[in-house]
C-alpha atoms as a PDB file:
ATOM      1  CA  MET A   1      -0.189   0.174   0.149  1.00  0.00           C
ATOM      2  CA  PRO A   2       1.839   3.396  -0.982  1.00  0.00           C
ATOM      3  CA  ASP A   3       2.041   6.117   1.243  1.00  0.00           C
ATOM      4  CA  ILE A   4       2.481   8.770  -1.437  1.00  0.00           C
ATOM      5  CA  LEU A   5       0.201   8.997  -4.505  1.00  0.00           C
ATOM      6  CA  ILE A   6       1.573  10.712  -7.373  1.00  0.00           C
ATOM      7  CA  LEU A   7      -0.994  12.559  -9.741  1.00  0.00           C
ATOM      8  CA  TRP A   8      -0.037  12.406 -13.194  1.00  0.00           C
ATOM      9  CA  ASP A   9      -0.899  10.698 -16.674  1.00  0.00           C
ATOM     10  CA  LYS A  10       1.819   8.273 -16.772  1.00  0.00           C
ATOM     11  CA  PRO A  11       4.724   6.725 -14.285  1.00  0.00           C
ATOM     12  CA  LEU A  12       7.340   9.376 -13.390  1.00  0.00           C
ATOM     13  CA  PHE A  13      10.866   9.164 -12.488  1.00  0.00           C
ATOM     14  CA  TRP A  14       9.368  10.169  -8.694  1.00  0.00           C
ATOM     15  CA  ASP A  15       8.684   6.461  -8.083  1.00  0.00           C
ATOM     16  CA  ARG A  16      12.353   5.436  -8.439  1.00  0.00           C
ATOM     17  CA  LEU A  17      13.596   8.576  -6.118  1.00  0.00           C
ATOM     18  CA  PHE A  18      11.038   8.053  -3.545  1.00  0.00           C
ATOM     19  CA  GLN A  19      12.547   4.251  -3.865  1.00  0.00           C
ATOM     20  CA  GLU A  20      15.772   5.401  -2.896  1.00  0.00           C
ATOM     21  CA  TYR A  21      14.451   6.757  -0.321  1.00  0.00           C
ATOM     22  CA  GLY A  22      12.920   3.798   1.233  1.00  0.00           C
ATOM     23  CA  MET A  23       9.235   5.411   0.379  1.00  0.00           C
ATOM     24  CA  PHE A  24       6.740   3.712  -1.576  1.00  0.00           C
ATOM     25  CA  SER A  25       4.468   5.262  -4.351  1.00  0.00           C
ATOM     26  CA  SER A  26       2.132   5.266  -6.902  1.00  0.00           C
ATOM     27  CA  SER A  27       0.831   7.191  -9.772  1.00  0.00           C
ATOM     28  CA  ALA A  28      -2.904   7.328 -10.783  1.00  0.00           C
ATOM     29  CA  ARG A  29      -4.286   9.863 -13.172  1.00  0.00           C
ATOM     30  CA  PRO A  30      -6.122  12.904 -11.804  1.00  0.00           C
ATOM     31  CA  GLU A  31      -9.825  11.337 -12.463  1.00  0.00           C
ATOM     32  CA  ALA A  32      -8.744   8.014 -10.835  1.00  0.00           C
ATOM     33  CA  LEU A  33      -9.689  10.299  -7.544  1.00  0.00           C
ATOM     34  CA  LEU A  34     -13.578   9.827  -8.630  1.00  0.00           C
ATOM     35  CA  SER A  35     -13.708   6.141  -8.170  1.00  0.00           C
ATOM     36  CA  SER A  36     -13.706   4.384  -4.416  1.00  0.00           C
ATOM     37  CA  TYR A  37     -10.801   1.898  -5.534  1.00  0.00           C
ATOM     38  CA  LEU A  38      -7.780   3.944  -4.942  1.00  0.00           C
ATOM     39  CA  PRO A  39      -5.785   2.716  -1.645  1.00  0.00           C
ATOM     40  CA  PRO A  40      -5.330   5.270   1.362  1.00  0.00           C
ATOM     41  CA  ALA A  41      -2.518   7.518   1.627  1.00  0.00           C
ATOM     42  CA  LYS A  42      -0.565   9.744   3.290  1.00  0.00           C
ATOM     43  CA  LEU A  43       0.732  12.114   0.800  1.00  0.00           C
ATOM     44  CA  ILE A  44      -0.922  13.113  -2.751  1.00  0.00           C
ATOM     45  CA  LEU A  45       1.774  15.109  -5.115  1.00  0.00           C
ATOM     46  CA  LEU A  46       1.389  17.015  -7.860  1.00  0.00           C
ATOM     47  CA  PRO A  47       4.404  17.618  -9.982  1.00  0.00           C
ATOM     48  CA  ALA A  48       6.038  20.871 -11.622  1.00  0.00           C
ATOM     49  CA  GLY A  49       3.608  21.196 -14.993  1.00  0.00           C
ATOM     50  CA  PHE A  50       1.010  19.877 -13.523  1.00  0.00           C
ATOM     51  CA  MET A  51      -1.259  22.801 -15.331  1.00  0.00           C
ATOM     52  CA  SER A  52       0.301  22.754 -18.642  1.00  0.00           C
ATOM     53  CA  ASP A  53      -0.461  20.661 -21.217  1.00  0.00           C
ATOM     54  CA  ILE A  54       3.388  20.320 -22.382  1.00  0.00           C
ATOM     55  CA  TYR A  55       4.122  18.393 -19.753  1.00  0.00           C
ATOM     56  CA  THR A  56       1.077  16.173 -19.424  1.00  0.00           C
ATOM     57  CA  ALA A  57      -1.711  15.119 -21.266  1.00  0.00           C
ATOM     58  CA  ALA A  58      -3.880  15.492 -17.757  1.00  0.00           C
ATOM     59  CA  ALA A  59      -3.242  19.307 -17.054  1.00  0.00           C
ATOM     60  CA  ILE A  60      -7.074  19.849 -17.919  1.00  0.00           C
ATOM     61  CA  SER A  61      -8.471  17.315 -15.190  1.00  0.00           C
ATOM     62  CA  PHE A  62      -6.564  18.460 -12.019  1.00  0.00           C
ATOM     63  CA  THR A  63      -8.838  21.621 -11.978  1.00  0.00           C
ATOM     64  CA  LYS A  64     -11.954  20.243 -12.186  1.00  0.00           C
ATOM     65  CA  GLU A  65     -14.420  21.070  -9.676  1.00  0.00           C
ATOM     66  CA  LYS A  66     -14.696  17.223  -8.960  1.00  0.00           C
ATOM     67  CA  VAL A  67     -11.250  16.441  -8.779  1.00  0.00           C
ATOM     68  CA  ALA A  68     -10.708  19.441  -6.722  1.00  0.00           C
ATOM     69  CA  ASP A  69     -13.439  18.454  -4.075  1.00  0.00           C
ATOM     70  CA  ARG A  70     -11.859  15.029  -3.644  1.00  0.00           C
ATOM     71  CA  LEU A  71      -8.276  16.975  -3.017  1.00  0.00           C
ATOM     72  CA  ILE A  72      -9.704  19.211  -0.440  1.00  0.00           C
ATOM     73  CA  GLN A  73     -11.703  16.223   1.042  1.00  0.00           C
ATOM     74  CA  PHE A  74      -8.632  14.268   1.146  1.00  0.00           C
ATOM     75  CA  VAL A  75      -7.173  17.272   3.355  1.00  0.00           C
ATOM     76  CA  GLU A  76      -9.984  17.557   5.265  1.00  0.00           C
ATOM     77  CA  ASN A  77      -9.492  13.923   6.775  1.00  0.00           C
ATOM     78  CA  GLY A  78      -6.220  14.849   7.526  1.00  0.00           C
ATOM     79  CA  GLY A  79      -3.676  14.410   4.715  1.00  0.00           C
ATOM     80  CA  SER A  80      -1.191  16.270   3.219  1.00  0.00           C
ATOM     81  CA  LEU A  81      -1.607  17.577  -0.512  1.00  0.00           C
ATOM     82  CA  LEU A  82       2.254  18.527  -1.789  1.00  0.00           C
ATOM     83  CA  ILE A  83       1.921  20.796  -5.137  1.00  0.00           C
ATOM     84  CA  PHE A  84       4.648  22.048  -6.702  1.00  0.00           C
ATOM     85  CA  SER A  85       4.572  24.810  -9.830  1.00  0.00           C
ATOM     86  CA  PRO A  86       1.935  24.649 -12.715  1.00  0.00           C
ATOM     87  CA  LYS A  87       4.871  25.673 -14.905  1.00  0.00           C
ATOM     88  CA  ILE A  88       3.066  28.022 -16.999  1.00  0.00           C
ATOM     89  CA  ASN A  89       3.811  31.469 -18.745  1.00  0.00           C
ATOM     90  CA  GLU A  90       0.795  33.314 -16.990  1.00  0.00           C
ATOM     91  CA  PRO A  91      -0.235  33.904 -13.320  1.00  0.00           C
ATOM     92  CA  ALA A  92      -1.880  30.702 -11.895  1.00  0.00           C
ATOM     93  CA  SER A  93      -4.896  31.259  -9.556  1.00  0.00           C
ATOM     94  CA  PHE A  94      -5.580  28.575  -6.762  1.00  0.00           C
ATOM     95  CA  SER A  95      -9.174  29.084  -6.342  1.00  0.00           C
ATOM     96  CA  TRP A  96      -9.733  25.736  -7.337  1.00  0.00           C
ATOM     97  CA  LEU A  97      -9.065  24.675  -4.463  1.00  0.00           C
ATOM     98  CA  ASN A  98     -10.352  27.981  -2.325  1.00  0.00           C
ATOM     99  CA  LEU A  99      -7.276  29.419  -1.756  1.00  0.00           C
ATOM    100  CA  PRO A 100      -6.573  32.921  -2.589  1.00  0.00           C
ATOM    101  CA  ILE A 101      -2.762  32.487  -3.460  1.00  0.00           C
ATOM    102  CA  THR A 102      -1.835  32.944  -7.059  1.00  0.00           C
ATOM    103  CA  PHE A 103       1.706  31.776  -8.322  1.00  0.00           C
ATOM    104  CA  VAL A 104       3.748  34.269 -10.463  1.00  0.00           C
ATOM    105  CA  PRO A 105       6.215  32.520 -12.812  1.00  0.00           C
ATOM    106  CA  LYS A 106       9.528  33.966 -12.601  1.00  0.00           C
ATOM    107  CA  SER A 107      12.299  31.482 -13.396  1.00  0.00           C
ATOM    108  CA  ALA A 108      15.277  31.780 -10.602  1.00  0.00           C
ATOM    109  CA  VAL A 109      18.456  29.836  -9.213  1.00  0.00           C
ATOM    110  CA  LEU A 110      19.104  30.625  -5.339  1.00  0.00           C
ATOM    111  CA  LYS A 111      22.089  29.993  -3.560  1.00  0.00           C
ATOM    112  CA  LYS A 112      21.050  29.382  -0.135  1.00  0.00           C
ATOM    113  CA  LYS A 113      21.051  26.549   2.595  1.00  0.00           C
ATOM    114  CA  THR A 114      17.309  24.937   3.300  1.00  0.00           C
ATOM    115  CA  HIS A 115      16.174  22.366   5.483  1.00  0.00           C
ATOM    116  CA  LEU A 116      14.059  21.797   2.208  1.00  0.00           C
ATOM    117  CA  LEU A 117      17.030  20.397   0.423  1.00  0.00           C
ATOM    118  CA  ASP A 118      20.373  18.792   0.859  1.00  0.00           C
ATOM    119  CA  GLN A 119      22.152  20.912  -1.677  1.00  0.00           C
ATOM    120  CA  GLU A 120      23.067  24.697  -1.409  1.00  0.00           C
ATOM    121  CA  SER A 121      21.901  26.026  -4.278  1.00  0.00           C
ATOM    122  CA  PHE A 122      18.522  25.432  -6.199  1.00  0.00           C
ATOM    123  CA  PHE A 123      15.977  26.309  -9.074  1.00  0.00           C
ATOM    124  CA  CYS A 124      12.764  27.766  -8.788  1.00  0.00           C
ATOM    125  CA  ASP A 125      10.308  28.255 -10.766  1.00  0.00           C
ATOM    126  CA  GLY A 126       8.416  31.576  -9.369  1.00  0.00           C
ATOM    127  CA  ARG A 127       7.188  32.578  -6.365  1.00  0.00           C
ATOM    128  CA  PHE A 128       3.250  32.992  -4.732  1.00  0.00           C
ATOM    129  CA  GLN A 129       1.305  36.093  -3.807  1.00  0.00           C
ATOM    130  CA  ASN A 130      -1.385  36.868  -1.526  1.00  0.00           C
ATOM    131  CA  ALA A 131      -0.438  34.511   1.208  1.00  0.00           C
ATOM    132  CA  ASP A 132      -2.465  35.658   4.399  1.00  0.00           C
ATOM    133  CA  GLU A 133      -2.297  34.934   7.835  1.00  0.00           C
ATOM    134  CA  SER A 134      -3.566  31.490   7.292  1.00  0.00           C
ATOM    135  CA  CYS A 135       0.007  31.003   5.688  1.00  0.00           C
ATOM    136  CA  THR A 136       3.121  29.543   7.120  1.00  0.00           C
ATOM    137  CA  ILE A 137       5.726  30.644   4.838  1.00  0.00           C
ATOM    138  CA  ILE A 138       8.903  27.923   4.866  1.00  0.00           C
ATOM    139  CA  GLU A 139      10.930  29.662   2.192  1.00  0.00           C
ATOM    140  CA  SER A 140      11.409  33.298   0.220  1.00  0.00           C
ATOM    141  CA  ASP A 141      13.583  33.824  -2.901  1.00  0.00           C
ATOM    142  CA  ASP A 142      16.419  36.977  -2.595  1.00  0.00           C
ATOM    143  CA  GLU A 143      13.411  39.109  -2.424  1.00  0.00           C
ATOM    144  CA  GLY A 144      11.038  37.772   0.148  1.00  0.00           C
ATOM    145  CA  CYS A 145       8.643  36.884  -2.047  1.00  0.00           C
ATOM    146  CA  PRO A 146       7.321  33.496  -0.573  1.00  0.00           C
ATOM    147  CA  ILE A 147       8.705  30.256  -2.724  1.00  0.00           C
ATOM    148  CA  HIS A 148       7.387  27.310  -0.394  1.00  0.00           C
ATOM    149  CA  LEU A 149       4.523  27.614   1.793  1.00  0.00           C
ATOM    150  CA  VAL A 150       2.187  25.599   4.440  1.00  0.00           C
ATOM    151  CA  ILE A 151      -1.572  26.078   4.589  1.00  0.00           C
ATOM    152  CA  GLN A 152      -3.504  23.762   7.295  1.00  0.00           C
ATOM    153  CA  LYS A 153      -7.134  23.657   8.021  1.00  0.00           C
ATOM    154  CA  GLU A 154      -8.844  23.256  11.264  1.00  0.00           C
ATOM    155  CA  LYS A 155     -12.488  22.784  11.962  1.00  0.00           C
ATOM    156  CA  ASP A 156     -13.919  26.533  13.448  1.00  0.00           C
ATOM    157  CA  THR A 157     -16.720  24.191  16.198  1.00  0.00           C
ATOM    158  CA  LYS A 158     -17.937  27.726  17.341  1.00  0.00           C
ATOM    159  CA  LYS A 159     -18.971  28.435  13.582  1.00  0.00           C
ATOM    160  CA  GLY A 160     -18.754  24.809  12.390  1.00  0.00           C
ATOM    161  CA  THR A 161     -17.291  25.579   9.421  1.00  0.00           C
ATOM    162  CA  GLU A 162     -13.873  24.777   8.021  1.00  0.00           C
ATOM    163  CA  LYS A 163     -11.412  27.527   7.760  1.00  0.00           C
ATOM    164  CA  TYR A 164      -7.100  27.245   6.648  1.00  0.00           C
ATOM    165  CA  THR A 165      -4.747  27.452   9.453  1.00  0.00           C
ATOM    166  CA  GLU A 166      -1.306  27.233  10.540  1.00  0.00           C
ATOM    167  CA  LYS A 167      -2.215  26.264  14.331  1.00  0.00           C
ATOM    168  CA  ASP A 168      -3.491  22.617  14.525  1.00  0.00           C
ATOM    169  CA  THR A 169      -0.718  20.288  13.004  1.00  0.00           C
ATOM    170  CA  GLU A 170      -2.830  17.298  13.837  1.00  0.00           C
ATOM    171  CA  ASN A 171      -5.109  18.470  10.805  1.00  0.00           C
ATOM    172  CA  GLY A 172      -4.165  17.995   6.967  1.00  0.00           C
ATOM    173  CA  LYS A 173      -2.329  20.287   5.210  1.00  0.00           C
ATOM    174  CA  ILE A 174      -1.509  21.978   1.563  1.00  0.00           C
ATOM    175  CA  ILE A 175       2.024  22.364   0.742  1.00  0.00           C
ATOM    176  CA  LEU A 176       2.597  24.858  -2.283  1.00  0.00           C
ATOM    177  CA  SER A 177       6.211  25.064  -3.713  1.00  0.00           C
ATOM    178  CA  SER A 178       8.305  26.161  -6.845  1.00  0.00           C
ATOM    179  CA  ILE A 179      11.031  24.767  -5.745  1.00  0.00           C
ATOM    180  CA  HIS A 180      12.054  22.925  -9.179  1.00  0.00           C
ATOM    181  CA  GLU A 181      13.952  20.282  -7.399  1.00  0.00           C
ATOM    182  CA  PHE A 182      13.562  16.724  -5.488  1.00  0.00           C
ATOM    183  CA  LEU A 183      12.730  17.618  -1.497  1.00  0.00           C
ATOM    184  CA  SER A 184      15.033  16.145   0.729  1.00  0.00           C
ATOM    185  CA  LYS A 185      14.318  12.963   2.120  1.00  0.00           C
ATOM    186  CA  SER A 186      13.965  14.447   6.118  1.00  0.00           C
ATOM    187  CA  TYR A 187      11.407  16.521   4.679  1.00  0.00           C
ATOM    188  CA  PHE A 188       8.955  13.857   2.960  1.00  0.00           C
ATOM    189  CA  LEU A 189       9.768  12.102   5.820  1.00  0.00           C
ATOM    190  CA  SER A 190       8.057  14.680   8.297  1.00  0.00           C
ATOM    191  CA  LEU A 191       4.686  14.644   5.919  1.00  0.00           C
ATOM    192  CA  LEU A 192       4.233  10.822   6.132  1.00  0.00           C
ATOM    193  CA  ASN A 193       4.581  10.967  10.246  1.00  0.00           C
ATOM    194  CA  GLY A 194       0.475  10.992  10.154  1.00  0.00           C
ATOM    195  CA  PRO A 195      -1.866   7.841   9.497  1.00  0.00           C
ATOM    196  CA  LYS A 196      -3.048   7.208   5.811  1.00  0.00           C
ATOM    197  CA  VAL A 197      -6.013   8.748   5.133  1.00  0.00           C
ATOM    198  CA  LYS A 198      -9.071   7.708   2.646  1.00  0.00           C
ATOM    199  CA  ILE A 199      -9.244   8.927  -0.692  1.00  0.00           C
END
């Protein structure tokens, strides 16, 4: 049973890299989220280029309402959703996940240490705008703009509604990253320390 589900139209080299980390992953098309046969997972991953038909034939599927609803439900139930950059040449809104955040493309090579990687320089596809108090900024570019941030979801029991917050680490989370590198083993392990969640 996989800990990590990669959403793409075909298997990627990610599976081999996760194997080198001692982690078990599997790949599925986004539409598979609508099936009741997918096994539970701890982490769902959308690789860089998921919104571009240059990189994947499934690009149009990710932002469809029913697929997005299943991703949101996965997070609400305690799962982690890691989304890399859309890799398109124009700003991209994350409103399909009920987030106010916009990705703005701006390629750069950053020379800095970060716990997210095992190297001291890395490629970045862009930055995120409109990050508010519900976001925890983990890493920024040289101009102080967010390039890796976390939004966590908790239930507001007083109002009976769901809201995004960084306060409760027991709940699911959405991680947005424009870092165009394979993240460190220790970081992925930190995303896999919770229970598996039914998709």
